[in-house]
């Protein structure tokens, strides 16, 4: 069976690799592979850190996908760093929000403990530790998948009439009318004393995260704004908010070298969950992953393979039918 994948971000490339490994004749179409939202992603495999009330299905989906990442990383030759996440609340209000999140996680039997993170400010009012969280470098994942897929990757848009039995659309917010672009700004810095763990914090209500790489680099992100009518570039206000929040949590960032400042649009859905499955047009949709594209790539690929093969997808994927918004309307 011939399968055409539209979109070569981390979701599209992972789906293509999963299908190719299963023996399908796959082609991936994208004029700029890996240069969209994936290029700016921090690579957190941290579903517990994103958990919130009313999104329990999304947490279960993230946990299932995170469990696939170690084997997936080994298969493609990419390191998965299991550093865990420190949740940090800067003031009393932030700690109250953190406490609610921890309560939810414990009710769902997600491990929560405590840990010491030396670089955190003495002014941080409270912390918790999620030992199961990990991270990868998305750019390294894209590089590995492009090498493995080779000439299966076609650097042009999907043809109007592709020579394929199945089309899988992984083209971000353009993939479906219910999706919208959500702007995210990030900074990459290098310092001599990076955090030992990922840090996800609230600073006077402002969310921020810090993800350490292996060479002293730290990714600081990310803003989240619906700015679909503006070019995808970083703004002064967004960068200042990130820097202020990050420096409040980790004062030593004052001495860090700024390597990169950039922004990309992520595909967001009305309920923050992805759209995975066949649409009314007879195509497979794998889009709308929002902030979780890197995390959810393996479980999405497993579901796409199941759909193409005519098998039931993993049960945790069922709440994220590609047609669920049409069904509601």
C-alpha atoms as a PDB file:
ATOM      1  CA  UNK A   1       0.000   0.000   0.000  1.00  0.00           C
ATOM      2  CA  UNK A   2       1.263   3.484  -0.898  1.00  0.00           C
ATOM      3  CA  UNK A   3       1.003   6.165   1.787  1.00  0.00           C
ATOM      4  CA  UNK A   4       1.609   9.881   1.289  1.00  0.00           C
ATOM      5  CA  UNK A   5       2.338  11.943   4.399  1.00  0.00           C
ATOM      6  CA  UNK A   6       1.795  15.695   4.113  1.00  0.00           C
ATOM      7  CA  UNK A   7       3.996  17.577   6.567  1.00  0.00           C
ATOM      8  CA  UNK A   8       7.493  16.735   7.808  1.00  0.00           C
ATOM      9  CA  UNK A   9       7.440  18.051  11.332  1.00  0.00           C
ATOM     10  CA  UNK A  10       8.192  15.610  14.123  1.00  0.00           C
ATOM     11  CA  UNK A  11       4.687  14.085  13.940  1.00  0.00           C
ATOM     12  CA  UNK A  12       4.745  13.588  10.160  1.00  0.00           C
ATOM     13  CA  UNK A  13       8.276  12.181  10.132  1.00  0.00           C
ATOM     14  CA  UNK A  14       7.545   9.802  13.017  1.00  0.00           C
ATOM     15  CA  UNK A  15       4.378   8.566  11.308  1.00  0.00           C
ATOM     16  CA  UNK A  16       6.319   8.036   8.077  1.00  0.00           C
ATOM     17  CA  UNK A  17       9.104   6.114   9.844  1.00  0.00           C
ATOM     18  CA  UNK A  18       6.582   3.965  11.754  1.00  0.00           C
ATOM     19  CA  UNK A  19       4.808   3.113   8.466  1.00  0.00           C
ATOM     20  CA  UNK A  20       8.056   2.444   6.604  1.00  0.00           C
ATOM     21  CA  UNK A  21       9.215   0.109   9.375  1.00  0.00           C
ATOM     22  CA  UNK A  22       5.950  -1.802   8.949  1.00  0.00           C
ATOM     23  CA  UNK A  23       6.649  -2.273   5.232  1.00  0.00           C
ATOM     24  CA  UNK A  24       4.487   0.428   3.644  1.00  0.00           C
ATOM     25  CA  UNK A  25       5.599   2.397   0.591  1.00  0.00           C
ATOM     26  CA  UNK A  26       5.825   5.875   2.117  1.00  0.00           C
ATOM     27  CA  UNK A  27       6.568   9.346   0.777  1.00  0.00           C
ATOM     28  CA  UNK A  28       6.683  12.489   2.930  1.00  0.00           C
ATOM     29  CA  UNK A  29       5.988  15.849   1.298  1.00  0.00           C
ATOM     30  CA  UNK A  30       7.160  19.146   2.785  1.00  0.00           C
ATOM     31  CA  UNK A  31       9.104  22.031   1.210  1.00  0.00           C
ATOM     32  CA  UNK A  32      10.916  22.724   4.518  1.00  0.00           C
ATOM     33  CA  UNK A  33      11.151  19.543   6.652  1.00  0.00           C
ATOM     34  CA  UNK A  34      11.481  20.116  10.370  1.00  0.00           C
ATOM     35  CA  UNK A  35      11.452  23.918  10.160  1.00  0.00           C
ATOM     36  CA  UNK A  36       7.984  24.597  11.526  1.00  0.00           C
ATOM     37  CA  UNK A  37       6.817  24.264  15.137  1.00  0.00           C
ATOM     38  CA  UNK A  38       9.251  21.378  15.707  1.00  0.00           C
ATOM     39  CA  UNK A  39      12.226  23.679  15.135  1.00  0.00           C
ATOM     40  CA  UNK A  40      11.259  25.807  18.143  1.00  0.00           C
ATOM     41  CA  UNK A  41      10.099  22.979  20.408  1.00  0.00           C
ATOM     42  CA  UNK A  42      11.824  22.347  23.724  1.00  0.00           C
ATOM     43  CA  UNK A  43      11.304  18.583  23.506  1.00  0.00           C
ATOM     44  CA  UNK A  44       9.708  17.965  26.903  1.00  0.00           C
ATOM     45  CA  UNK A  45       8.384  14.432  27.413  1.00  0.00           C
ATOM     46  CA  UNK A  46       6.539  15.679  30.453  1.00  0.00           C
ATOM     47  CA  UNK A  47       2.801  14.974  30.359  1.00  0.00           C
ATOM     48  CA  UNK A  48       2.427  15.279  34.137  1.00  0.00           C
ATOM     49  CA  UNK A  49       3.734  18.833  34.103  1.00  0.00           C
ATOM     50  CA  UNK A  50       0.972  19.874  31.668  1.00  0.00           C
ATOM     51  CA  UNK A  51      -1.850  18.066  33.494  1.00  0.00           C
ATOM     52  CA  UNK A  52      -4.936  20.005  34.495  1.00  0.00           C
ATOM     53  CA  UNK A  53      -8.519  19.344  35.546  1.00  0.00           C
ATOM     54  CA  UNK A  54     -10.803  18.301  32.696  1.00  0.00           C
ATOM     55  CA  UNK A  55      -7.875  17.079  30.583  1.00  0.00           C
ATOM     56  CA  UNK A  56      -7.381  13.678  32.169  1.00  0.00           C
ATOM     57  CA  UNK A  57      -7.712  11.908  28.790  1.00  0.00           C
ATOM     58  CA  UNK A  58      -4.935  14.074  27.412  1.00  0.00           C
ATOM     59  CA  UNK A  59      -2.738  13.183  30.388  1.00  0.00           C
ATOM     60  CA  UNK A  60      -3.333   9.467  29.795  1.00  0.00           C
ATOM     61  CA  UNK A  61      -2.477   9.913  26.117  1.00  0.00           C
ATOM     62  CA  UNK A  62       0.733  11.721  27.047  1.00  0.00           C
ATOM     63  CA  UNK A  63       1.748   9.098  29.596  1.00  0.00           C
ATOM     64  CA  UNK A  64       1.192   6.319  27.045  1.00  0.00           C
ATOM     65  CA  UNK A  65       3.291   8.150  24.459  1.00  0.00           C
ATOM     66  CA  UNK A  66       6.055   8.975  26.945  1.00  0.00           C
ATOM     67  CA  UNK A  67       6.329   5.245  27.678  1.00  0.00           C
ATOM     68  CA  UNK A  68       7.070   4.629  23.977  1.00  0.00           C
ATOM     69  CA  UNK A  69       9.866   7.194  23.776  1.00  0.00           C
ATOM     70  CA  UNK A  70      12.794   5.228  25.312  1.00  0.00           C
ATOM     71  CA  UNK A  71      12.494   2.379  22.783  1.00  0.00           C
ATOM     72  CA  UNK A  72      11.761   4.817  19.947  1.00  0.00           C
ATOM     73  CA  UNK A  73      14.805   6.899  20.849  1.00  0.00           C
ATOM     74  CA  UNK A  74      17.040   3.825  20.862  1.00  0.00           C
ATOM     75  CA  UNK A  75      15.718   2.701  17.471  1.00  0.00           C
ATOM     76  CA  UNK A  76      16.524   6.023  15.800  1.00  0.00           C
ATOM     77  CA  UNK A  77      19.704   6.732  17.792  1.00  0.00           C
ATOM     78  CA  UNK A  78      18.523   9.729  19.825  1.00  0.00           C
ATOM     79  CA  UNK A  79      19.207  10.157  23.534  1.00  0.00           C
ATOM     80  CA  UNK A  80      16.254  10.488  25.914  1.00  0.00           C
ATOM     81  CA  UNK A  81      17.249  12.326  29.099  1.00  0.00           C
ATOM     82  CA  UNK A  82      15.252  11.283  32.170  1.00  0.00           C
ATOM     83  CA  UNK A  83      15.923  14.320  34.329  1.00  0.00           C
ATOM     84  CA  UNK A  84      12.466  14.710  35.855  1.00  0.00           C
ATOM     85  CA  UNK A  85      10.689  18.047  36.274  1.00  0.00           C
ATOM     86  CA  UNK A  86      10.762  20.445  39.206  1.00  0.00           C
ATOM     87  CA  UNK A  87       7.458  22.273  39.548  1.00  0.00           C
ATOM     88  CA  UNK A  88       8.129  25.658  41.132  1.00  0.00           C
ATOM     89  CA  UNK A  89       5.777  28.292  42.538  1.00  0.00           C
ATOM     90  CA  UNK A  90       7.337  31.705  43.089  1.00  0.00           C
ATOM     91  CA  UNK A  91       4.763  33.204  45.465  1.00  0.00           C
ATOM     92  CA  UNK A  92       1.841  32.006  47.572  1.00  0.00           C
ATOM     93  CA  UNK A  93      -0.650  32.286  44.717  1.00  0.00           C
ATOM     94  CA  UNK A  94       1.612  30.274  42.427  1.00  0.00           C
ATOM     95  CA  UNK A  95       2.045  27.598  45.094  1.00  0.00           C
ATOM     96  CA  UNK A  96      -1.740  27.316  45.467  1.00  0.00           C
ATOM     97  CA  UNK A  97      -2.037  26.556  41.744  1.00  0.00           C
ATOM     98  CA  UNK A  98       0.854  24.093  42.008  1.00  0.00           C
ATOM     99  CA  UNK A  99      -0.843  22.343  44.957  1.00  0.00           C
ATOM    100  CA  UNK A 100      -4.017  21.822  42.913  1.00  0.00           C
ATOM    101  CA  UNK A 101      -2.009  20.284  40.073  1.00  0.00           C
ATOM    102  CA  UNK A 102      -0.171  17.981  42.488  1.00  0.00           C
ATOM    103  CA  UNK A 103      -3.481  16.924  44.022  1.00  0.00           C
ATOM    104  CA  UNK A 104      -4.790  15.972  40.584  1.00  0.00           C
ATOM    105  CA  UNK A 105      -1.642  14.009  39.738  1.00  0.00           C
ATOM    106  CA  UNK A 106      -1.732  12.055  42.984  1.00  0.00           C
ATOM    107  CA  UNK A 107      -5.419  11.234  42.445  1.00  0.00           C
ATOM    108  CA  UNK A 108      -4.382   9.722  39.079  1.00  0.00           C
ATOM    109  CA  UNK A 109      -1.490   7.821  40.728  1.00  0.00           C
ATOM    110  CA  UNK A 110       1.226   9.820  38.959  1.00  0.00           C
ATOM    111  CA  UNK A 111       4.402   9.791  41.120  1.00  0.00           C
ATOM    112  CA  UNK A 112       5.163  13.107  42.830  1.00  0.00           C
ATOM    113  CA  UNK A 113       8.070  13.562  45.245  1.00  0.00           C
ATOM    114  CA  UNK A 114      10.586  16.186  46.333  1.00  0.00           C
ATOM    115  CA  UNK A 115      14.093  17.049  45.163  1.00  0.00           C
ATOM    116  CA  UNK A 116      16.737  19.741  45.568  1.00  0.00           C
ATOM    117  CA  UNK A 117      17.481  21.957  42.557  1.00  0.00           C
ATOM    118  CA  UNK A 118      20.536  24.059  43.500  1.00  0.00           C
ATOM    119  CA  UNK A 119      20.073  26.846  40.942  1.00  0.00           C
ATOM    120  CA  UNK A 120      16.556  27.814  42.086  1.00  0.00           C
ATOM    121  CA  UNK A 121      16.186  31.164  43.824  1.00  0.00           C
ATOM    122  CA  UNK A 122      15.792  31.220  47.623  1.00  0.00           C
ATOM    123  CA  UNK A 123      12.651  33.288  47.009  1.00  0.00           C
ATOM    124  CA  UNK A 124      10.796  30.348  45.380  1.00  0.00           C
ATOM    125  CA  UNK A 125       7.909  29.620  47.732  1.00  0.00           C
ATOM    126  CA  UNK A 126       7.325  25.940  46.958  1.00  0.00           C
ATOM    127  CA  UNK A 127       8.318  23.027  44.722  1.00  0.00           C
ATOM    128  CA  UNK A 128       7.365  19.486  43.800  1.00  0.00           C
ATOM    129  CA  UNK A 129       9.192  16.896  41.677  1.00  0.00           C
ATOM    130  CA  UNK A 130       7.918  14.700  38.846  1.00  0.00           C
ATOM    131  CA  UNK A 131      10.558  11.950  38.527  1.00  0.00           C
ATOM    132  CA  UNK A 132       9.042  10.302  35.459  1.00  0.00           C
ATOM    133  CA  UNK A 133       9.504  13.259  33.108  1.00  0.00           C
ATOM    134  CA  UNK A 134      12.161  13.319  30.380  1.00  0.00           C
ATOM    135  CA  UNK A 135      13.207  15.344  27.349  1.00  0.00           C
ATOM    136  CA  UNK A 136      14.822  15.019  23.912  1.00  0.00           C
ATOM    137  CA  UNK A 137      16.296  17.463  21.432  1.00  0.00           C
ATOM    138  CA  UNK A 138      13.646  17.705  18.666  1.00  0.00           C
ATOM    139  CA  UNK A 139      16.172  18.927  16.118  1.00  0.00           C
ATOM    140  CA  UNK A 140      18.248  15.791  16.704  1.00  0.00           C
ATOM    141  CA  UNK A 141      15.106  13.674  16.260  1.00  0.00           C
ATOM    142  CA  UNK A 142      14.309  15.374  12.954  1.00  0.00           C
ATOM    143  CA  UNK A 143      17.899  14.939  11.753  1.00  0.00           C
ATOM    144  CA  UNK A 144      17.823  11.223  12.628  1.00  0.00           C
ATOM    145  CA  UNK A 145      14.461  10.597  10.984  1.00  0.00           C
ATOM    146  CA  UNK A 146      15.426  12.467   7.803  1.00  0.00           C
ATOM    147  CA  UNK A 147      18.551  10.309   7.548  1.00  0.00           C
ATOM    148  CA  UNK A 148      16.580   7.110   8.106  1.00  0.00           C
ATOM    149  CA  UNK A 149      13.830   8.029   5.627  1.00  0.00           C
ATOM    150  CA  UNK A 150      16.294   9.198   2.968  1.00  0.00           C
ATOM    151  CA  UNK A 151      14.729   9.749  -0.446  1.00  0.00           C
ATOM    152  CA  UNK A 152      11.279   8.989   0.943  1.00  0.00           C
ATOM    153  CA  UNK A 153      11.254  12.677   1.940  1.00  0.00           C
ATOM    154  CA  UNK A 154      10.207  14.897  -0.974  1.00  0.00           C
ATOM    155  CA  UNK A 155      11.011  18.585  -0.457  1.00  0.00           C
ATOM    156  CA  UNK A 156       7.866  19.966  -2.062  1.00  0.00           C
ATOM    157  CA  UNK A 157       4.179  20.323  -1.112  1.00  0.00           C
ATOM    158  CA  UNK A 158       1.840  17.349  -1.398  1.00  0.00           C
ATOM    159  CA  UNK A 159       0.650  17.082  -5.036  1.00  0.00           C
ATOM    160  CA  UNK A 160      -3.011  17.816  -5.706  1.00  0.00           C
ATOM    161  CA  UNK A 161      -3.462  14.217  -6.839  1.00  0.00           C
ATOM    162  CA  UNK A 162      -0.797  12.156  -5.041  1.00  0.00           C
ATOM    163  CA  UNK A 163      -0.079   8.632  -6.228  1.00  0.00           C
ATOM    164  CA  UNK A 164      -1.139   7.067  -2.937  1.00  0.00           C
ATOM    165  CA  UNK A 165      -3.790   4.799  -1.484  1.00  0.00           C
ATOM    166  CA  UNK A 166      -3.876   6.765   1.794  1.00  0.00           C
ATOM    167  CA  UNK A 167      -2.999  10.387   2.591  1.00  0.00           C
ATOM    168  CA  UNK A 168      -1.961  11.284   6.149  1.00  0.00           C
ATOM    169  CA  UNK A 169      -2.196  15.017   6.872  1.00  0.00           C
ATOM    170  CA  UNK A 170       0.255  16.321   9.471  1.00  0.00           C
ATOM    171  CA  UNK A 171       0.319  19.935   8.319  1.00  0.00           C
ATOM    172  CA  UNK A 172      -0.354  21.719  11.595  1.00  0.00           C
ATOM    173  CA  UNK A 173      -3.125  24.290  11.847  1.00  0.00           C
ATOM    174  CA  UNK A 174      -3.745  24.097   8.091  1.00  0.00           C
ATOM    175  CA  UNK A 175      -4.779  20.446   8.348  1.00  0.00           C
ATOM    176  CA  UNK A 176      -8.343  21.033   9.609  1.00  0.00           C
ATOM    177  CA  UNK A 177     -10.813  23.951   9.939  1.00  0.00           C
ATOM    178  CA  UNK A 178     -11.183  23.440  13.705  1.00  0.00           C
ATOM    179  CA  UNK A 179      -7.464  24.048  14.324  1.00  0.00           C
ATOM    180  CA  UNK A 180      -5.892  27.449  14.989  1.00  0.00           C
ATOM    181  CA  UNK A 181      -2.307  28.708  15.121  1.00  0.00           C
ATOM    182  CA  UNK A 182      -1.023  29.478  18.639  1.00  0.00           C
ATOM    183  CA  UNK A 183       2.187  31.508  18.772  1.00  0.00           C
ATOM    184  CA  UNK A 184       5.010  30.320  21.008  1.00  0.00           C
ATOM    185  CA  UNK A 185       8.239  32.241  21.649  1.00  0.00           C
ATOM    186  CA  UNK A 186      11.387  30.610  23.036  1.00  0.00           C
ATOM    187  CA  UNK A 187      14.960  31.502  23.906  1.00  0.00           C
ATOM    188  CA  UNK A 188      18.047  29.331  23.852  1.00  0.00           C
ATOM    189  CA  UNK A 189      20.864  30.330  26.178  1.00  0.00           C
ATOM    190  CA  UNK A 190      24.116  28.771  27.389  1.00  0.00           C
ATOM    191  CA  UNK A 191      25.347  28.949  30.963  1.00  0.00           C
ATOM    192  CA  UNK A 192      27.949  27.299  33.181  1.00  0.00           C
ATOM    193  CA  UNK A 193      25.431  26.229  35.844  1.00  0.00           C
ATOM    194  CA  UNK A 194      22.294  24.946  34.094  1.00  0.00           C
ATOM    195  CA  UNK A 195      19.496  23.294  36.086  1.00  0.00           C
ATOM    196  CA  UNK A 196      19.949  19.597  36.811  1.00  0.00           C
ATOM    197  CA  UNK A 197      16.287  18.976  36.041  1.00  0.00           C
ATOM    198  CA  UNK A 198      13.657  20.515  33.833  1.00  0.00           C
ATOM    199  CA  UNK A 199      11.983  23.404  35.648  1.00  0.00           C
ATOM    200  CA  UNK A 200       8.365  24.318  35.033  1.00  0.00           C
ATOM    201  CA  UNK A 201       7.310  27.313  37.082  1.00  0.00           C
ATOM    202  CA  UNK A 202       4.762  29.983  37.769  1.00  0.00           C
ATOM    203  CA  UNK A 203       6.056  33.446  38.614  1.00  0.00           C
ATOM    204  CA  UNK A 204       3.251  35.711  39.803  1.00  0.00           C
ATOM    205  CA  UNK A 205       0.951  33.760  37.497  1.00  0.00           C
ATOM    206  CA  UNK A 206       3.305  33.842  34.489  1.00  0.00           C
ATOM    207  CA  UNK A 207       4.194  30.322  33.245  1.00  0.00           C
ATOM    208  CA  UNK A 208       7.744  29.517  32.157  1.00  0.00           C
ATOM    209  CA  UNK A 209       9.868  26.417  31.642  1.00  0.00           C
ATOM    210  CA  UNK A 210      13.583  25.716  31.440  1.00  0.00           C
ATOM    211  CA  UNK A 211      14.926  22.600  29.713  1.00  0.00           C
ATOM    212  CA  UNK A 212      18.664  21.785  30.073  1.00  0.00           C
ATOM    213  CA  UNK A 213      20.501  20.236  27.153  1.00  0.00           C
ATOM    214  CA  UNK A 214      23.700  18.159  27.416  1.00  0.00           C
ATOM    215  CA  UNK A 215      26.174  20.950  26.587  1.00  0.00           C
ATOM    216  CA  UNK A 216      25.149  23.739  28.963  1.00  0.00           C
ATOM    217  CA  UNK A 217      22.405  24.992  26.669  1.00  0.00           C
ATOM    218  CA  UNK A 218      19.049  25.786  28.267  1.00  0.00           C
ATOM    219  CA  UNK A 219      15.783  26.261  26.386  1.00  0.00           C
ATOM    220  CA  UNK A 220      13.535  28.889  27.970  1.00  0.00           C
ATOM    221  CA  UNK A 221       9.900  29.024  26.911  1.00  0.00           C
ATOM    222  CA  UNK A 222       7.226  29.506  26.072  1.00  0.00           C
ATOM    223  CA  UNK A 223       4.633  32.132  25.470  1.00  0.00           C
ATOM    224  CA  UNK A 224       1.236  31.101  24.125  1.00  0.00           C
ATOM    225  CA  UNK A 225      -0.790  33.627  22.146  1.00  0.00           C
ATOM    226  CA  UNK A 226      -3.322  33.477  19.322  1.00  0.00           C
ATOM    227  CA  UNK A 227      -1.755  35.819  16.760  1.00  0.00           C
ATOM    228  CA  UNK A 228      -2.730  34.154  13.510  1.00  0.00           C
ATOM    229  CA  UNK A 229      -2.823  37.476  11.606  1.00  0.00           C
ATOM    230  CA  UNK A 230       0.793  38.410  12.386  1.00  0.00           C
ATOM    231  CA  UNK A 231       4.093  36.983  11.104  1.00  0.00           C
ATOM    232  CA  UNK A 232       5.632  34.267  13.279  1.00  0.00           C
ATOM    233  CA  UNK A 233       8.359  36.380  14.847  1.00  0.00           C
ATOM    234  CA  UNK A 234       9.336  36.975  18.476  1.00  0.00           C
ATOM    235  CA  UNK A 235       8.011  40.092  20.215  1.00  0.00           C
ATOM    236  CA  UNK A 236       9.670  42.360  22.751  1.00  0.00           C
ATOM    237  CA  UNK A 237       6.843  41.832  25.228  1.00  0.00           C
ATOM    238  CA  UNK A 238       6.941  38.055  24.953  1.00  0.00           C
ATOM    239  CA  UNK A 239      10.715  37.853  25.341  1.00  0.00           C
ATOM    240  CA  UNK A 240      10.686  40.199  28.323  1.00  0.00           C
ATOM    241  CA  UNK A 241       8.011  38.124  30.081  1.00  0.00           C
ATOM    242  CA  UNK A 242      10.049  34.948  29.564  1.00  0.00           C
ATOM    243  CA  UNK A 243      13.276  36.521  30.765  1.00  0.00           C
ATOM    244  CA  UNK A 244      11.672  38.096  33.821  1.00  0.00           C
ATOM    245  CA  UNK A 245      10.001  34.842  34.892  1.00  0.00           C
ATOM    246  CA  UNK A 246      13.046  32.673  34.145  1.00  0.00           C
ATOM    247  CA  UNK A 247      15.458  34.964  36.014  1.00  0.00           C
ATOM    248  CA  UNK A 248      13.132  35.097  38.999  1.00  0.00           C
ATOM    249  CA  UNK A 249      13.335  31.317  39.275  1.00  0.00           C
ATOM    250  CA  UNK A 250      17.006  30.942  38.302  1.00  0.00           C
ATOM    251  CA  UNK A 251      18.968  34.152  39.060  1.00  0.00           C
ATOM    252  CA  UNK A 252      22.208  32.787  37.570  1.00  0.00           C
ATOM    253  CA  UNK A 253      20.651  33.151  34.084  1.00  0.00           C
ATOM    254  CA  UNK A 254      21.783  36.786  34.290  1.00  0.00           C
ATOM    255  CA  UNK A 255      25.213  35.541  33.213  1.00  0.00           C
ATOM    256  CA  UNK A 256      23.957  33.272  30.419  1.00  0.00           C
ATOM    257  CA  UNK A 257      24.881  33.795  26.773  1.00  0.00           C
ATOM    258  CA  UNK A 258      21.877  34.298  24.467  1.00  0.00           C
ATOM    259  CA  UNK A 259      22.112  31.902  21.518  1.00  0.00           C
ATOM    260  CA  UNK A 260      18.758  32.213  19.793  1.00  0.00           C
ATOM    261  CA  UNK A 261      15.377  33.914  20.033  1.00  0.00           C
ATOM    262  CA  UNK A 262      12.584  32.651  17.813  1.00  0.00           C
ATOM    263  CA  UNK A 263       8.881  31.989  17.491  1.00  0.00           C
ATOM    264  CA  UNK A 264       6.684  29.469  15.708  1.00  0.00           C
ATOM    265  CA  UNK A 265       2.959  28.786  15.423  1.00  0.00           C
ATOM    266  CA  UNK A 266       1.714  25.562  17.003  1.00  0.00           C
ATOM    267  CA  UNK A 267      -1.554  23.926  15.908  1.00  0.00           C
ATOM    268  CA  UNK A 268      -4.103  24.242  18.709  1.00  0.00           C
ATOM    269  CA  UNK A 269      -7.533  22.604  18.975  1.00  0.00           C
ATOM    270  CA  UNK A 270     -10.661  23.706  20.901  1.00  0.00           C
ATOM    271  CA  UNK A 271     -10.041  21.152  23.693  1.00  0.00           C
ATOM    272  CA  UNK A 272      -6.195  21.145  23.513  1.00  0.00           C
ATOM    273  CA  UNK A 273      -6.151  17.553  22.252  1.00  0.00           C
ATOM    274  CA  UNK A 274      -4.913  16.283  18.871  1.00  0.00           C
ATOM    275  CA  UNK A 275      -7.076  15.100  15.993  1.00  0.00           C
ATOM    276  CA  UNK A 276      -6.122  11.541  15.024  1.00  0.00           C
ATOM    277  CA  UNK A 277      -8.040   9.312  12.609  1.00  0.00           C
ATOM    278  CA  UNK A 278      -9.964   9.262   9.364  1.00  0.00           C
ATOM    279  CA  UNK A 279     -11.936  12.336   8.353  1.00  0.00           C
ATOM    280  CA  UNK A 280     -15.083  12.535   6.292  1.00  0.00           C
ATOM    281  CA  UNK A 281     -12.904  13.198   3.252  1.00  0.00           C
ATOM    282  CA  UNK A 282     -11.393   9.729   3.532  1.00  0.00           C
ATOM    283  CA  UNK A 283      -8.013  10.997   4.638  1.00  0.00           C
ATOM    284  CA  UNK A 284      -6.112  10.308   7.833  1.00  0.00           C
ATOM    285  CA  UNK A 285      -5.549  13.283  10.084  1.00  0.00           C
ATOM    286  CA  UNK A 286      -2.715  13.545  12.622  1.00  0.00           C
ATOM    287  CA  UNK A 287      -2.621  17.177  13.670  1.00  0.00           C
ATOM    288  CA  UNK A 288      -3.595  19.660  16.360  1.00  0.00           C
ATOM    289  CA  UNK A 289      -1.016  18.530  18.920  1.00  0.00           C
ATOM    290  CA  UNK A 290      -0.456  22.054  20.243  1.00  0.00           C
ATOM    291  CA  UNK A 291       2.355  22.100  22.798  1.00  0.00           C
ATOM    292  CA  UNK A 292       2.608  18.281  22.764  1.00  0.00           C
ATOM    293  CA  UNK A 293       3.827  17.426  19.272  1.00  0.00           C
ATOM    294  CA  UNK A 294       7.159  15.981  20.393  1.00  0.00           C
ATOM    295  CA  UNK A 295       5.659  14.092  23.324  1.00  0.00           C
ATOM    296  CA  UNK A 296       2.750  12.656  21.339  1.00  0.00           C
ATOM    297  CA  UNK A 297       4.603  11.728  18.143  1.00  0.00           C
ATOM    298  CA  UNK A 298       5.071   7.982  18.940  1.00  0.00           C
ATOM    299  CA  UNK A 299       1.496   7.290  20.096  1.00  0.00           C
ATOM    300  CA  UNK A 300       0.190   9.238  17.101  1.00  0.00           C
ATOM    301  CA  UNK A 301       2.341   7.165  14.750  1.00  0.00           C
ATOM    302  CA  UNK A 302       1.144   3.942  16.380  1.00  0.00           C
ATOM    303  CA  UNK A 303      -2.476   5.061  15.908  1.00  0.00           C
ATOM    304  CA  UNK A 304      -1.886   6.070  12.277  1.00  0.00           C
ATOM    305  CA  UNK A 305      -0.305   2.698  11.537  1.00  0.00           C
ATOM    306  CA  UNK A 306      -3.282   0.931  13.134  1.00  0.00           C
ATOM    307  CA  UNK A 307      -5.746   2.959  11.050  1.00  0.00           C
ATOM    308  CA  UNK A 308      -3.839   2.277   7.816  1.00  0.00           C
ATOM    309  CA  UNK A 309      -3.675  -1.440   8.630  1.00  0.00           C
ATOM    310  CA  UNK A 310      -7.380  -1.576   9.488  1.00  0.00           C
ATOM    311  CA  UNK A 311      -6.698  -2.405  13.142  1.00  0.00           C
ATOM    312  CA  UNK A 312      -8.116  -0.761  16.278  1.00  0.00           C
ATOM    313  CA  UNK A 313      -5.953   2.148  17.463  1.00  0.00           C
ATOM    314  CA  UNK A 314      -4.596   2.211  21.036  1.00  0.00           C
ATOM    315  CA  UNK A 315      -7.547   2.783  23.426  1.00  0.00           C
ATOM    316  CA  UNK A 316      -6.040   6.006  24.833  1.00  0.00           C
ATOM    317  CA  UNK A 317      -6.344   7.549  21.349  1.00  0.00           C
ATOM    318  CA  UNK A 318     -10.105   6.985  21.045  1.00  0.00           C
ATOM    319  CA  UNK A 319     -11.161  10.255  22.785  1.00  0.00           C
ATOM    320  CA  UNK A 320      -9.199  12.170  20.141  1.00  0.00           C
ATOM    321  CA  UNK A 321     -11.159  11.184  17.039  1.00  0.00           C
ATOM    322  CA  UNK A 322     -10.505  13.424  14.042  1.00  0.00           C
ATOM    323  CA  UNK A 323     -14.255  13.886  13.613  1.00  0.00           C
ATOM    324  CA  UNK A 324     -15.208  14.725  17.197  1.00  0.00           C
ATOM    325  CA  UNK A 325     -15.827  18.429  16.584  1.00  0.00           C
ATOM    326  CA  UNK A 326     -18.022  17.632  13.578  1.00  0.00           C
ATOM    327  CA  UNK A 327     -19.960  15.195  15.753  1.00  0.00           C
ATOM    328  CA  UNK A 328     -20.570  17.869  18.391  1.00  0.00           C
ATOM    329  CA  UNK A 329     -21.719  20.429  15.855  1.00  0.00           C
END
